[in-house]
Structure formats: C-alpha cells, structure tokens
C-alpha cells in the first residue's frame, strides 16, 4: 500500500462526523491560542482543509453553528 492510499483513507475518515469534530476543535484551539489576532488566517486554513478533504461549503449542515 503506497502513500497515496493512506492519504485517501485519511481524507475519507475526515469526511465523517468525527473528522469535522476534529477540525472544529483544532480551529477553536487555534483561535483561543492566538486570542483572536489571527482569526482570518485561521479561517482561511480551515476553508483550505475543508476543500482538501471535500467538505461541501454550500451545505450549512457541514458547519458548526458559529460558522454558518
């Protein structure tokens, strides 16, 4: 099994509810750690992560309440 298959499995795992929860927690932790000074950069990073794993930005059910 090559690296590409591991990447595909990782992306598939992140597409589930637990993956979204993990990304939400990472985003919240980054916001708390920076005290709001880098919120725009954190938002861009989260959006890039969502696009990379294939989360649908147009579906409001894919986002936590604060990001709808």
Protein backbone atom coordinates (compact mmCIF):
# COMPACT_ATOMS: atom_id res chain seq x y z
CA UNK A 1 0.00 0.00 0.00
CA UNK A 2 1.51 3.28 -1.12
CA UNK A 3 1.36 6.72 0.43
CA UNK A 4 -1.48 7.77 -1.86
CA UNK A 5 -3.77 5.09 -0.47
CA UNK A 6 -3.05 6.26 3.08
CA UNK A 7 -3.87 9.84 2.08
CA UNK A 8 -7.16 8.71 0.52
CA UNK A 9 -8.08 6.76 3.66
CA UNK A 10 -7.22 9.74 5.87
CA UNK A 11 -9.36 12.09 3.76
CA UNK A 12 -12.26 9.62 3.83
CA UNK A 13 -12.02 9.38 7.62
CA UNK A 14 -12.05 13.17 7.98
CA UNK A 15 -15.20 13.48 5.86
CA UNK A 16 -17.21 11.78 8.60
CA UNK A 17 -18.66 13.42 11.68
CA UNK A 18 -15.58 12.70 13.78
CA UNK A 19 -13.36 14.38 11.21
CA UNK A 20 -15.47 17.52 11.23
CA UNK A 21 -15.42 17.48 15.01
CA UNK A 22 -11.62 17.18 14.98
CA UNK A 23 -11.27 20.12 12.57
CA UNK A 24 -13.73 22.18 14.64
CA UNK A 25 -11.73 21.52 17.80
CA UNK A 26 -8.45 22.38 16.10
CA UNK A 27 -9.93 25.62 14.78
CA UNK A 28 -11.29 26.57 18.21
CA UNK A 29 -7.99 25.78 19.89
CA UNK A 30 -6.10 27.92 17.37
CA UNK A 31 -8.50 30.83 17.91
CA UNK A 32 -8.12 30.59 21.69
CA UNK A 33 -4.34 30.27 21.48
CA UNK A 34 -3.99 33.38 19.33
CA UNK A 35 -6.53 35.43 21.23
CA UNK A 36 -8.35 36.38 18.04
CA UNK A 37 -5.31 38.07 16.50
CA UNK A 38 -5.17 35.65 13.55
CA UNK A 39 -8.81 34.73 13.03
CA UNK A 40 -8.76 35.50 9.30
CA UNK A 41 -5.71 33.27 8.73
CA UNK A 42 -7.30 30.50 10.80
CA UNK A 43 -10.50 30.79 8.76
CA UNK A 44 -8.51 30.54 5.52
CA UNK A 45 -6.66 27.48 6.82
CA UNK A 46 -9.93 25.82 7.86
CA UNK A 47 -11.51 26.57 4.49
CA UNK A 48 -8.47 25.08 2.75
CA UNK A 49 -8.69 21.96 4.92
CA UNK A 50 -12.41 21.64 4.13
CA UNK A 51 -11.73 21.93 0.39
CA UNK A 52 -8.84 19.46 0.58
CA UNK A 53 -10.93 16.73 2.16
CA UNK A 54 -14.01 17.52 0.10
CA UNK A 55 -16.43 19.06 2.60
CA UNK A 56 -19.25 20.93 0.87
CA UNK A 57 -19.04 24.65 1.71
CA UNK A 58 -22.58 25.21 0.40
CA UNK A 59 -24.19 22.84 2.91
CA UNK A 60 -24.86 24.74 6.17
CA UNK A 61 -25.22 21.42 8.00
CA UNK A 62 -21.50 20.78 7.41
CA UNK A 63 -20.55 23.79 9.56
CA UNK A 64 -20.78 24.32 13.30
CA UNK A 65 -23.32 26.89 14.48
CA UNK A 66 -20.77 29.73 14.72
CA UNK A 67 -19.62 29.31 11.11
CA UNK A 68 -22.97 29.14 9.27
